[in-house]
C-alpha atoms as a PDB file:
ATOM      1  CA  MET A   1     -24.353   8.475  -2.540  1.00  0.00           C
ATOM      2  CA  PRO A   2     -25.624   5.198  -0.780  1.00  0.00           C
ATOM      3  CA  LEU A   3     -22.968   4.103   1.893  1.00  0.00           C
ATOM      4  CA  SER A   4     -22.517   0.701  -0.241  1.00  0.00           C
ATOM      5  CA  THR A   5     -21.938   2.403  -3.727  1.00  0.00           C
ATOM      6  CA  VAL A   6     -19.328   3.891  -5.256  1.00  0.00           C
ATOM      7  CA  THR A   7     -19.314   4.119  -9.128  1.00  0.00           C
ATOM      8  CA  PRO A   8     -17.186   4.783 -12.260  1.00  0.00           C
ATOM      9  CA  ALA A   9     -19.078   7.946 -12.702  1.00  0.00           C
ATOM     10  CA  ASP A  10     -18.591   9.197  -9.017  1.00  0.00           C
ATOM     11  CA  ILE A  11     -14.733   8.329  -9.515  1.00  0.00           C
ATOM     12  CA  GLU A  12     -15.109  10.563 -12.845  1.00  0.00           C
ATOM     13  CA  ALA A  13     -16.762  13.499 -11.051  1.00  0.00           C
ATOM     14  CA  ALA A  14     -14.089  13.208  -8.218  1.00  0.00           C
ATOM     15  CA  ALA A  15     -11.081  13.301 -11.059  1.00  0.00           C
ATOM     16  CA  GLU A  16     -12.673  16.416 -12.393  1.00  0.00           C
ATOM     17  CA  ARG A  17     -13.029  17.979  -8.691  1.00  0.00           C
ATOM     18  CA  ILE A  18      -9.275  17.179  -8.078  1.00  0.00           C
ATOM     19  CA  ARG A  19      -7.548  17.849 -11.164  1.00  0.00           C
ATOM     20  CA  PRO A  20      -6.167  21.309 -10.194  1.00  0.00           C
ATOM     21  CA  TYR A  21      -4.751  19.896  -7.135  1.00  0.00           C
ATOM     22  CA  VAL A  22      -3.166  16.481  -7.681  1.00  0.00           C
ATOM     23  CA  ARG A  23      -0.290  14.962 -10.129  1.00  0.00           C
ATOM     24  CA  ARG A  24      -0.684  12.796 -13.059  1.00  0.00           C
ATOM     25  CA  THR A  25       1.764  10.217 -11.763  1.00  0.00           C
ATOM     26  CA  PRO A  26       3.807   8.274 -14.479  1.00  0.00           C
ATOM     27  CA  LEU A  27       4.071   4.368 -15.300  1.00  0.00           C
ATOM     28  CA  LEU A  28       7.473   2.533 -15.417  1.00  0.00           C
ATOM     29  CA  ARG A  29       7.932  -0.942 -17.228  1.00  0.00           C
ATOM     30  CA  LEU A  30      10.311  -3.279 -15.119  1.00  0.00           C
ATOM     31  CA  ASP A  31      11.744  -6.151 -17.182  1.00  0.00           C
ATOM     32  CA  GLY A  32      14.423  -8.546 -15.939  1.00  0.00           C
ATOM     33  CA  PRO A  33      13.509 -11.195 -13.089  1.00  0.00           C
ATOM     34  CA  VAL A  34      10.267  -9.311 -12.154  1.00  0.00           C
ATOM     35  CA  ARG A  35       8.234  -7.889 -15.315  1.00  0.00           C
ATOM     36  CA  CYS A  36       5.442  -5.604 -14.187  1.00  0.00           C
ATOM     37  CA  GLU A  37       4.009  -1.919 -14.874  1.00  0.00           C
ATOM     38  CA  LEU A  38       4.680   0.182 -11.718  1.00  0.00           C
ATOM     39  CA  LYS A  39       2.192   2.973 -11.349  1.00  0.00           C
ATOM     40  CA  LEU A  40       4.158   5.304  -9.350  1.00  0.00           C
ATOM     41  CA  GLU A  41       1.890   6.975  -6.864  1.00  0.00           C
ATOM     42  CA  LEU A  42       4.684   7.721  -4.475  1.00  0.00           C
ATOM     43  CA  LEU A  43       5.451  10.630  -6.646  1.00  0.00           C
ATOM     44  CA  GLN A  44       1.912  12.334  -5.840  1.00  0.00           C
ATOM     45  CA  VAL A  45       1.672  15.259  -3.750  1.00  0.00           C
ATOM     46  CA  MET A  46       2.973  14.707  -0.080  1.00  0.00           C
ATOM     47  CA  GLY A  47       4.289  11.099  -1.198  1.00  0.00           C
ATOM     48  CA  SER A  48       1.182   9.161  -1.390  1.00  0.00           C
ATOM     49  CA  PHE A  49      -2.270   8.617  -2.943  1.00  0.00           C
ATOM     50  CA  LYS A  50      -4.017   9.923  -0.193  1.00  0.00           C
ATOM     51  CA  PRO A  51      -4.644  13.715  -1.354  1.00  0.00           C
ATOM     52  CA  ARG A  52      -7.036  12.023  -4.163  1.00  0.00           C
ATOM     53  CA  GLY A  53      -9.645  11.586  -1.428  1.00  0.00           C
ATOM     54  CA  ALA A  54      -8.868  14.369   0.836  1.00  0.00           C
ATOM     55  CA  PHE A  55      -9.224  16.812  -2.201  1.00  0.00           C
ATOM     56  CA  ASN A  56     -12.342  15.321  -3.587  1.00  0.00           C
ATOM     57  CA  THR A  57     -13.987  15.646   0.328  1.00  0.00           C
ATOM     58  CA  LEU A  58     -13.004  18.823   0.808  1.00  0.00           C
ATOM     59  CA  THR A  59     -14.217  20.142  -2.914  1.00  0.00           C
ATOM     60  CA  SER A  60     -17.623  18.403  -2.253  1.00  0.00           C
ATOM     61  CA  VAL A  61     -18.336  19.587   1.360  1.00  0.00           C
ATOM     62  CA  ASP A  62     -19.180  22.832   3.251  1.00  0.00           C
ATOM     63  CA  VAL A  63     -16.267  23.214   5.578  1.00  0.00           C
ATOM     64  CA  PRO A  64     -17.360  24.976   8.936  1.00  0.00           C
ATOM     65  CA  GLU A  65     -15.214  27.786  10.549  1.00  0.00           C
ATOM     66  CA  SER A  66     -14.201  25.070  13.094  1.00  0.00           C
ATOM     67  CA  GLY A  67     -12.326  23.284  10.328  1.00  0.00           C
ATOM     68  CA  VAL A  68     -11.560  19.821   9.433  1.00  0.00           C
ATOM     69  CA  ALA A  69     -10.173  16.811  11.699  1.00  0.00           C
ATOM     70  CA  ALA A  70      -8.665  13.579  10.844  1.00  0.00           C
ATOM     71  CA  ALA A  71      -6.747  10.332  12.506  1.00  0.00           C
ATOM     72  CA  SER A  72      -4.137   9.096  10.458  1.00  0.00           C
ATOM     73  CA  GLY A  73      -1.051   6.870  10.940  1.00  0.00           C
ATOM     74  CA  GLY A  74       0.497   9.632   8.652  1.00  0.00           C
ATOM     75  CA  ASN A  75       0.010   9.898   4.899  1.00  0.00           C
ATOM     76  CA  HIS A  76      -3.911  10.589   5.414  1.00  0.00           C
ATOM     77  CA  GLY A  77      -3.075  13.118   7.739  1.00  0.00           C
ATOM     78  CA  ALA A  78      -0.529  14.921   5.766  1.00  0.00           C
ATOM     79  CA  ALA A  79      -2.682  14.580   2.803  1.00  0.00           C
ATOM     80  CA  VAL A  80      -5.536  16.391   4.616  1.00  0.00           C
ATOM     81  CA  ALA A  81      -3.140  18.979   6.165  1.00  0.00           C
ATOM     82  CA  TYR A  82      -2.217  19.734   2.993  1.00  0.00           C
ATOM     83  CA  ALA A  83      -5.515  19.865   1.251  1.00  0.00           C
ATOM     84  CA  ALA A  84      -7.076  21.979   4.160  1.00  0.00           C
ATOM     85  CA  HIS A  85      -4.273  24.389   3.880  1.00  0.00           C
ATOM     86  CA  THR A  86      -4.373  24.453  -0.177  1.00  0.00           C
ATOM     87  CA  LEU A  87      -8.287  25.300   0.040  1.00  0.00           C
ATOM     88  CA  GLY A  88      -7.766  28.022   3.375  1.00  0.00           C
ATOM     89  CA  HIS A  89      -9.137  25.789   6.160  1.00  0.00           C
ATOM     90  CA  LYS A  90      -7.873  24.919   9.801  1.00  0.00           C
ATOM     91  CA  ALA A  91      -7.106  21.286  10.337  1.00  0.00           C
ATOM     92  CA  ALA A  92      -6.203  19.496  13.296  1.00  0.00           C
ATOM     93  CA  ILE A  93      -4.771  15.933  13.025  1.00  0.00           C
ATOM     94  CA  PHE A  94      -4.536  13.030  15.460  1.00  0.00           C
ATOM     95  CA  VAL A  95      -1.942  10.542  14.936  1.00  0.00           C
ATOM     96  CA  PRO A  96      -0.820   7.493  17.176  1.00  0.00           C
ATOM     97  CA  GLU A  97       2.393   6.910  18.686  1.00  0.00           C
ATOM     98  CA  ILE A  98       3.934   4.855  16.273  1.00  0.00           C
ATOM     99  CA  VAL A  99       3.721   7.689  13.683  1.00  0.00           C
ATOM    100  CA  ARG A 100       6.943   7.941  11.823  1.00  0.00           C
ATOM    101  CA  ALA A 101       9.114  10.940  12.338  1.00  0.00           C
ATOM    102  CA  ALA A 102       9.074  11.938   8.383  1.00  0.00           C
ATOM    103  CA  LYS A 103       5.315  11.671   8.617  1.00  0.00           C
ATOM    104  CA  ARG A 104       4.758  13.841  11.486  1.00  0.00           C
ATOM    105  CA  ALA A 105       6.988  16.636   9.820  1.00  0.00           C
ATOM    106  CA  LEU A 106       4.948  16.351   6.807  1.00  0.00           C
ATOM    107  CA  ILE A 107       1.905  17.193   8.791  1.00  0.00           C
ATOM    108  CA  GLU A 108       3.647  19.971  10.761  1.00  0.00           C
ATOM    109  CA  GLY A 109       5.360  21.398   7.857  1.00  0.00           C
ATOM    110  CA  ALA A 110       1.428  21.757   6.028  1.00  0.00           C
ATOM    111  CA  GLY A 111       0.554  23.949   8.595  1.00  0.00           C
ATOM    112  CA  ALA A 112      -1.913  21.316  11.015  1.00  0.00           C
ATOM    113  CA  GLU A 113      -2.542  21.192  14.515  1.00  0.00           C
ATOM    114  CA  ILE A 114      -1.123  17.859  15.345  1.00  0.00           C
ATOM    115  CA  HIS A 115      -2.141  15.540  18.492  1.00  0.00           C
ATOM    116  CA  VAL A 116      -0.609  12.284  19.833  1.00  0.00           C
ATOM    117  CA  GLY A 117      -4.156  10.137  20.532  1.00  0.00           C
ATOM    118  CA  GLY A 118      -3.090   6.960  21.744  1.00  0.00           C
ATOM    119  CA  ALA A 119      -0.841   3.873  21.028  1.00  0.00           C
ATOM    120  CA  ARG A 120      -2.570   2.839  17.765  1.00  0.00           C
ATOM    121  CA  TYR A 121      -4.999   4.132  15.204  1.00  0.00           C
ATOM    122  CA  PRO A 122      -8.141   3.249  16.800  1.00  0.00           C
ATOM    123  CA  GLU A 123      -7.034   5.234  19.948  1.00  0.00           C
ATOM    124  CA  ALA A 124      -6.086   8.130  17.511  1.00  0.00           C
ATOM    125  CA  LEU A 125      -9.755   7.754  15.773  1.00  0.00           C
ATOM    126  CA  ALA A 126     -11.268   7.982  19.242  1.00  0.00           C
ATOM    127  CA  ALA A 127      -9.272  11.103  20.292  1.00  0.00           C
ATOM    128  CA  CYS A 128     -10.411  12.444  16.719  1.00  0.00           C
ATOM    129  CA  GLU A 129     -13.886  11.991  16.901  1.00  0.00           C
ATOM    130  CA  ALA A 130     -13.837  13.462  20.695  1.00  0.00           C
ATOM    131  CA  TYR A 131     -12.859  16.491  19.022  1.00  0.00           C
ATOM    132  CA  GLN A 132     -15.053  16.857  16.552  1.00  0.00           C
ATOM    133  CA  ALA A 133     -17.639  16.529  18.955  1.00  0.00           C
ATOM    134  CA  ALA A 134     -16.358  19.518  21.029  1.00  0.00           C
ATOM    135  CA  THR A 135     -15.463  21.728  18.458  1.00  0.00           C
ATOM    136  CA  GLY A 136     -17.942  21.204  15.113  1.00  0.00           C
ATOM    137  CA  ALA A 137     -15.119  20.369  13.039  1.00  0.00           C
ATOM    138  CA  ILE A 138     -15.872  17.910   9.925  1.00  0.00           C
ATOM    139  CA  GLY A 139     -14.354  15.009  10.146  1.00  0.00           C
ATOM    140  CA  ILE A 140     -12.379  13.162   7.136  1.00  0.00           C
ATOM    141  CA  HIS A 141     -12.228   9.365   7.625  1.00  0.00           C
ATOM    142  CA  ALA A 142      -9.022   7.975   6.203  1.00  0.00           C
ATOM    143  CA  TYR A 143     -10.727   5.064   4.184  1.00  0.00           C
ATOM    144  CA  ASP A 144     -14.512   4.369   5.032  1.00  0.00           C
ATOM    145  CA  ALA A 145     -16.260   6.990   3.530  1.00  0.00           C
ATOM    146  CA  PRO A 146     -17.753   7.532  -0.092  1.00  0.00           C
ATOM    147  CA  LEU A 147     -16.150  10.469  -1.057  1.00  0.00           C
ATOM    148  CA  THR A 148     -12.633   9.049   0.365  1.00  0.00           C
ATOM    149  CA  VAL A 149     -12.992   6.142  -1.766  1.00  0.00           C
ATOM    150  CA  ALA A 150     -14.252   7.723  -4.943  1.00  0.00           C
ATOM    151  CA  GLY A 151     -11.150  10.107  -4.801  1.00  0.00           C
ATOM    152  CA  GLN A 152      -8.592   7.269  -4.326  1.00  0.00           C
ATOM    153  CA  GLY A 153     -10.603   5.503  -7.328  1.00  0.00           C
ATOM    154  CA  THR A 154      -9.098   8.011  -9.629  1.00  0.00           C
ATOM    155  CA  VAL A 155      -5.707   6.464  -9.610  1.00  0.00           C
ATOM    156  CA  ALA A 156      -7.416   3.408 -11.300  1.00  0.00           C
ATOM    157  CA  ALA A 157      -8.927   5.668 -13.799  1.00  0.00           C
ATOM    158  CA  GLU A 158      -5.545   7.670 -14.684  1.00  0.00           C
ATOM    159  CA  TRP A 159      -3.698   4.108 -14.556  1.00  0.00           C
ATOM    160  CA  GLU A 160      -6.051   2.536 -17.447  1.00  0.00           C
ATOM    161  CA  ARG A 161      -5.965   5.102 -19.479  1.00  0.00           C
ATOM    162  CA  ASP A 162      -2.194   5.704 -19.567  1.00  0.00           C
ATOM    163  CA  SER A 163      -1.616   2.131 -19.931  1.00  0.00           C
ATOM    164  CA  ASP A 164      -0.925   0.021 -22.824  1.00  0.00           C
ATOM    165  CA  GLY A 165      -3.169  -2.842 -21.195  1.00  0.00           C
ATOM    166  CA  LEU A 166      -3.901  -4.424 -17.815  1.00  0.00           C
ATOM    167  CA  ASP A 167      -4.781  -7.954 -16.719  1.00  0.00           C
ATOM    168  CA  THR A 168      -4.179  -7.733 -13.186  1.00  0.00           C
ATOM    169  CA  VAL A 169      -3.421  -5.071 -10.458  1.00  0.00           C
ATOM    170  CA  LEU A 170      -1.503  -5.829  -7.146  1.00  0.00           C
ATOM    171  CA  VAL A 171      -2.737  -3.219  -4.646  1.00  0.00           C
ATOM    172  CA  ALA A 172      -1.618  -2.699  -0.666  1.00  0.00           C
ATOM    173  CA  VAL A 173      -4.303  -2.815   1.535  1.00  0.00           C
ATOM    174  CA  GLY A 174      -4.933  -1.211   4.951  1.00  0.00           C
ATOM    175  CA  GLY A 175      -8.472   0.096   5.673  1.00  0.00           C
ATOM    176  CA  GLY A 176      -9.527  -0.506   2.118  1.00  0.00           C
ATOM    177  CA  GLY A 177     -10.184   2.552   0.623  1.00  0.00           C
ATOM    178  CA  LEU A 178      -7.590   2.370  -2.078  1.00  0.00           C
ATOM    179  CA  ILE A 179      -8.380  -1.210  -3.277  1.00  0.00           C
ATOM    180  CA  ALA A 180     -12.054  -0.236  -2.899  1.00  0.00           C
ATOM    181  CA  GLY A 181     -11.984   2.698  -5.250  1.00  0.00           C
ATOM    182  CA  ILE A 182      -9.789   0.864  -7.549  1.00  0.00           C
ATOM    183  CA  ALA A 183     -12.027  -2.222  -7.668  1.00  0.00           C
ATOM    184  CA  ALA A 184     -14.977   0.227  -7.995  1.00  0.00           C
ATOM    185  CA  TRP A 185     -13.457   1.632 -11.078  1.00  0.00           C
ATOM    186  CA  PHE A 186     -12.143  -1.445 -13.038  1.00  0.00           C
ATOM    187  CA  GLN A 187     -15.625  -3.421 -11.983  1.00  0.00           C
ATOM    188  CA  GLY A 188     -14.160  -6.883 -12.683  1.00  0.00           C
ATOM    189  CA  ARG A 189     -12.540  -5.774 -16.245  1.00  0.00           C
ATOM    190  CA  VAL A 190      -9.066  -6.239 -14.675  1.00  0.00           C
ATOM    191  CA  LYS A 191      -8.462  -8.552 -12.033  1.00  0.00           C
ATOM    192  CA  VAL A 192      -7.826  -6.490  -8.617  1.00  0.00           C
ATOM    193  CA  VAL A 193      -5.741  -8.156  -6.091  1.00  0.00           C
ATOM    194  CA  GLY A 194      -5.179  -7.161  -2.529  1.00  0.00           C
ATOM    195  CA  VAL A 195      -1.789  -7.597  -0.615  1.00  0.00           C
ATOM    196  CA  GLU A 196      -1.589  -7.692   3.018  1.00  0.00           C
ATOM    197  CA  PRO A 197       1.192  -7.767   5.656  1.00  0.00           C
ATOM    198  CA  GLU A 198       0.502 -10.986   7.449  1.00  0.00           C
ATOM    199  CA  GLY A 199       0.643  -9.072  10.576  1.00  0.00           C
ATOM    200  CA  SER A 200      -2.132  -6.735   9.174  1.00  0.00           C
ATOM    201  CA  ARG A 201      -4.693  -8.645   7.386  1.00  0.00           C
ATOM    202  CA  CYS A 202      -8.013  -7.120   7.937  1.00  0.00           C
ATOM    203  CA  LEU A 203      -9.545  -7.543   4.401  1.00  0.00           C
ATOM    204  CA  HIS A 204      -8.515 -11.285   4.063  1.00  0.00           C
ATOM    205  CA  ALA A 205     -10.113 -12.060   7.768  1.00  0.00           C
ATOM    206  CA  ALA A 206     -13.366  -9.750   6.683  1.00  0.00           C
ATOM    207  CA  LEU A 207     -13.643 -12.049   3.224  1.00  0.00           C
ATOM    208  CA  GLU A 208     -12.860 -14.993   5.352  1.00  0.00           C
ATOM    209  CA  ALA A 209     -15.700 -14.198   7.826  1.00  0.00           C
ATOM    210  CA  GLY A 210     -18.077 -12.788   5.564  1.00  0.00           C
ATOM    211  CA  ARG A 211     -18.100  -9.307   7.399  1.00  0.00           C
ATOM    212  CA  PRO A 212     -15.455  -6.713   8.863  1.00  0.00           C
ATOM    213  CA  VAL A 213     -14.115  -8.194  11.858  1.00  0.00           C
ATOM    214  CA  ASP A 214     -11.065  -6.846  14.168  1.00  0.00           C
ATOM    215  CA  VAL A 215      -7.528  -8.283  13.572  1.00  0.00           C
ATOM    216  CA  ASP A 216      -4.127  -7.834  15.488  1.00  0.00           C
ATOM    217  CA  ILE A 217      -1.591  -5.614  14.156  1.00  0.00           C
ATOM    218  CA  ASP A 218       2.009  -6.478  14.212  1.00  0.00           C
ATOM    219  CA  SER A 219       4.043  -5.182  10.945  1.00  0.00           C
ATOM    220  CA  ILE A 220       6.574  -2.824   9.999  1.00  0.00           C
ATOM    221  CA  ALA A 221       3.964  -1.299   7.730  1.00  0.00           C
ATOM    222  CA  ALA A 222       1.383  -0.765  10.564  1.00  0.00           C
ATOM    223  CA  ASP A 223       1.622   2.950  10.051  1.00  0.00           C
ATOM    224  CA  SER A 224       0.020   3.006   6.581  1.00  0.00           C
ATOM    225  CA  LEU A 225      -1.513  -0.481   6.568  1.00  0.00           C
ATOM    226  CA  GLY A 226      -2.338  -0.853  10.154  1.00  0.00           C
ATOM    227  CA  ALA A 227      -6.341  -0.685  10.184  1.00  0.00           C
ATOM    228  CA  ARG A 228      -7.767  -3.042  12.941  1.00  0.00           C
ATOM    229  CA  SER A 229     -11.012  -3.679  10.798  1.00  0.00           C
ATOM    230  CA  VAL A 230     -11.624  -3.194   7.165  1.00  0.00           C
ATOM    231  CA  GLY A 231     -14.142  -0.313   6.455  1.00  0.00           C
ATOM    232  CA  ALA A 232     -17.845  -1.601   5.917  1.00  0.00           C
ATOM    233  CA  LEU A 233     -17.993   0.464   2.657  1.00  0.00           C
ATOM    234  CA  ASN A 234     -14.784  -1.103   1.547  1.00  0.00           C
ATOM    235  CA  TYR A 235     -15.755  -4.602   2.258  1.00  0.00           C
ATOM    236  CA  ALA A 236     -19.104  -4.200   0.499  1.00  0.00           C
ATOM    237  CA  ILE A 237     -17.211  -3.209  -2.602  1.00  0.00           C
ATOM    238  CA  ALA A 238     -14.181  -5.612  -2.108  1.00  0.00           C
ATOM    239  CA  SER A 239     -16.504  -8.733  -1.635  1.00  0.00           C
ATOM    240  CA  GLN A 240     -17.996  -7.957  -5.090  1.00  0.00           C
ATOM    241  CA  HIS A 241     -15.099  -6.799  -7.260  1.00  0.00           C
ATOM    242  CA  VAL A 242     -11.681  -8.028  -5.736  1.00  0.00           C
ATOM    243  CA  ALA A 243     -10.494 -11.234  -6.761  1.00  0.00           C
ATOM    244  CA  GLY A 244      -8.435 -12.218  -3.876  1.00  0.00           C
ATOM    245  CA  VAL A 245      -5.732 -11.076  -1.217  1.00  0.00           C
ATOM    246  CA  THR A 246      -2.605 -12.549  -0.618  1.00  0.00           C
ATOM    247  CA  GLN A 247      -0.127 -11.932   2.331  1.00  0.00           C
ATOM    248  CA  VAL A 248       3.291 -11.230   2.752  1.00  0.00           C
ATOM    249  CA  THR A 249       5.666 -11.272   5.510  1.00  0.00           C
ATOM    250  CA  ASP A 250       7.559  -8.405   6.750  1.00  0.00           C
ATOM    251  CA  ALA A 251      11.059  -9.902   5.474  1.00  0.00           C
ATOM    252  CA  ALA A 252       9.388  -9.631   1.952  1.00  0.00           C
ATOM    253  CA  ILE A 253       8.252  -5.836   2.234  1.00  0.00           C
ATOM    254  CA  GLU A 254      11.981  -5.207   3.231  1.00  0.00           C
ATOM    255  CA  ASP A 255      13.358  -7.084   0.319  1.00  0.00           C
ATOM    256  CA  ALA A 256      10.843  -5.336  -1.870  1.00  0.00           C
ATOM    257  CA  GLN A 257      11.818  -1.956  -0.501  1.00  0.00           C
ATOM    258  CA  LYS A 258      15.563  -2.699  -1.453  1.00  0.00           C
ATOM    259  CA  ALA A 259      14.710  -4.322  -4.808  1.00  0.00           C
ATOM    260  CA  LEU A 260      12.782  -1.232  -5.883  1.00  0.00           C
ATOM    261  CA  TRP A 261      15.475   1.093  -4.836  1.00  0.00           C
ATOM    262  CA  ARG A 262      18.099  -1.180  -6.727  1.00  0.00           C
ATOM    263  CA  ALA A 263      15.923  -1.185  -9.632  1.00  0.00           C
ATOM    264  CA  THR A 264      14.328   2.350  -9.977  1.00  0.00           C
ATOM    265  CA  ARG A 265      16.506   4.374  -6.920  1.00  0.00           C
ATOM    266  CA  LEU A 266      13.082   5.258  -5.781  1.00  0.00           C
ATOM    267  CA  VAL A 267      12.722   5.445  -1.599  1.00  0.00           C
ATOM    268  CA  THR A 268       9.467   3.613  -0.634  1.00  0.00           C
ATOM    269  CA  GLU A 269       8.048   3.283   2.890  1.00  0.00           C
ATOM    270  CA  PRO A 270       7.294  -0.156   4.122  1.00  0.00           C
ATOM    271  CA  GLY A 271       3.321   0.034   3.135  1.00  0.00           C
ATOM    272  CA  GLY A 272       4.569   1.660  -0.485  1.00  0.00           C
ATOM    273  CA  ALA A 273       6.352  -1.330  -1.201  1.00  0.00           C
ATOM    274  CA  THR A 274       4.109  -4.094   0.049  1.00  0.00           C
ATOM    275  CA  ALA A 275       2.169  -4.884  -3.240  1.00  0.00           C
ATOM    276  CA  PHE A 276       5.602  -5.117  -5.105  1.00  0.00           C
ATOM    277  CA  ALA A 277       6.555  -7.931  -2.232  1.00  0.00           C
ATOM    278  CA  ALA A 278       3.645 -10.003  -3.647  1.00  0.00           C
ATOM    279  CA  LEU A 279       5.054 -10.271  -6.918  1.00  0.00           C
ATOM    280  CA  ALA A 280       9.055 -10.106  -6.114  1.00  0.00           C
ATOM    281  CA  SER A 281       8.719 -12.919  -3.337  1.00  0.00           C
ATOM    282  CA  GLY A 282       6.431 -14.907  -5.229  1.00  0.00           C
ATOM    283  CA  ALA A 283       3.388 -14.851  -3.300  1.00  0.00           C
ATOM    284  CA  TYR A 284       1.422 -13.881  -6.212  1.00  0.00           C
ATOM    285  CA  THR A 285       2.768 -15.785  -9.443  1.00  0.00           C
ATOM    286  CA  PRO A 286       1.341 -14.320 -12.749  1.00  0.00           C
ATOM    287  CA  ALA A 287       0.309 -16.673 -15.297  1.00  0.00           C
ATOM    288  CA  PRO A 288       2.304 -16.944 -18.481  1.00  0.00           C
ATOM    289  CA  GLY A 289       1.625 -13.578 -20.608  1.00  0.00           C
ATOM    290  CA  GLU A 290      -0.407 -11.777 -17.498  1.00  0.00           C
ATOM    291  CA  ARG A 291       0.119  -8.269 -18.060  1.00  0.00           C
ATOM    292  CA  VAL A 292       0.307  -7.165 -14.238  1.00  0.00           C
ATOM    293  CA  GLY A 293       0.208  -3.653 -12.662  1.00  0.00           C
ATOM    294  CA  VAL A 294       1.817  -3.257  -9.157  1.00  0.00           C
ATOM    295  CA  LEU A 295       0.606   0.297  -7.703  1.00  0.00           C
ATOM    296  CA  VAL A 296       3.638   1.586  -5.456  1.00  0.00           C
ATOM    297  CA  CYS A 297       1.649   3.907  -3.339  1.00  0.00           C
ATOM    298  CA  GLY A 298       4.070   5.606  -0.546  1.00  0.00           C
ATOM    299  CA  ALA A 299       7.167   7.141  -0.067  1.00  0.00           C
ATOM    300  CA  ASN A 300       7.432   8.479   3.633  1.00  0.00           C
ATOM    301  CA  ALA A 301      10.067   6.229   4.658  1.00  0.00           C
ATOM    302  CA  ASP A 302      11.809   6.904   7.818  1.00  0.00           C
ATOM    303  CA  LEU A 303      15.166   7.893   6.080  1.00  0.00           C
ATOM    304  CA  PRO A 304      17.977   6.724   8.438  1.00  0.00           C
ATOM    305  CA  THR A 305      15.991   3.298   8.596  1.00  0.00           C
ATOM    306  CA  PHE A 306      15.771   3.369   4.824  1.00  0.00           C
ATOM    307  CA  ALA A 307      19.446   4.398   4.602  1.00  0.00           C
ATOM    308  CA  ASP A 308      20.346   1.273   6.726  1.00  0.00           C
ATOM    309  CA  LEU A 309      17.991  -1.440   4.809  1.00  0.00           C
ATOM    310  CA  THR A 310      19.525  -0.358   1.575  1.00  0.00           C
ATOM    311  CA  ALA A 311      23.118   0.405   2.312  1.00  0.00           C
ATOM    312  CA  GLU A 312      24.285  -3.167   0.773  1.00  0.00           C
ATOM    313  CA  THR A 313      22.536  -2.581  -2.541  1.00  0.00           C
ATOM    314  CA  ALA A 314      23.534   0.902  -2.704  1.00  0.00           C
END
């Protein structure tokens, strides 16, 4: 598969490979002040969309005896750990110091070796790459790899088939693997809009600069949306098929977590509520009659923090 290309056919093939291992997540229509269709991917195995890409990769490659290795802010690592365990492979997961306790517990619970590799994701990635070089373990990138992107794109194929109709989808952006997969599926037939925290805006910066660039990271969603630079593959796809990117504040993300709890009684992590924050805060304003879908992509919140946040809305 060429670096710059992920096609709908690749996504269809991925869907067939991963079908035995992932859930078909439901849709939920919200009415009232904020009207939209929610794709509840937070109900996916391990609490995020990430197992789609992990299973697509591990069912497509030869895994050596030394196993697999991945660097992650948490959700990707949990997905790789789970997929590796399911398929009978050893896994080593490298996380930054900012990883939340809930996500560390997921990784350890799936039977992987866990290593803390620096303060932020780039340091964890460097430690992971050193481990791969020393052991021969195969690496699974969190977002910048064709098999990962094709796997994440299966959420869009599933969504389109289950929906009564979509004009626009709002998708949270970290390193860009999820939005690239979704955009590669829709190919402009549905408007794809990225949503980033103001303190983690690597896709917006890349589209402004005309190439991936490094950005500073400072957001409550940094453990899931904290990539310093958008993936090269993901930038190539987004520059063709993503209609735009909007930013939201950390306060808007917290308000979205509370609003989703009030409306659905679902627990969302900050990154999982970021796309909804764009709609709830007015950062994205639909046109009259526009059919908007929002991907709710992660459930792995730190529960004591979430309980404190939502206590007033309980």
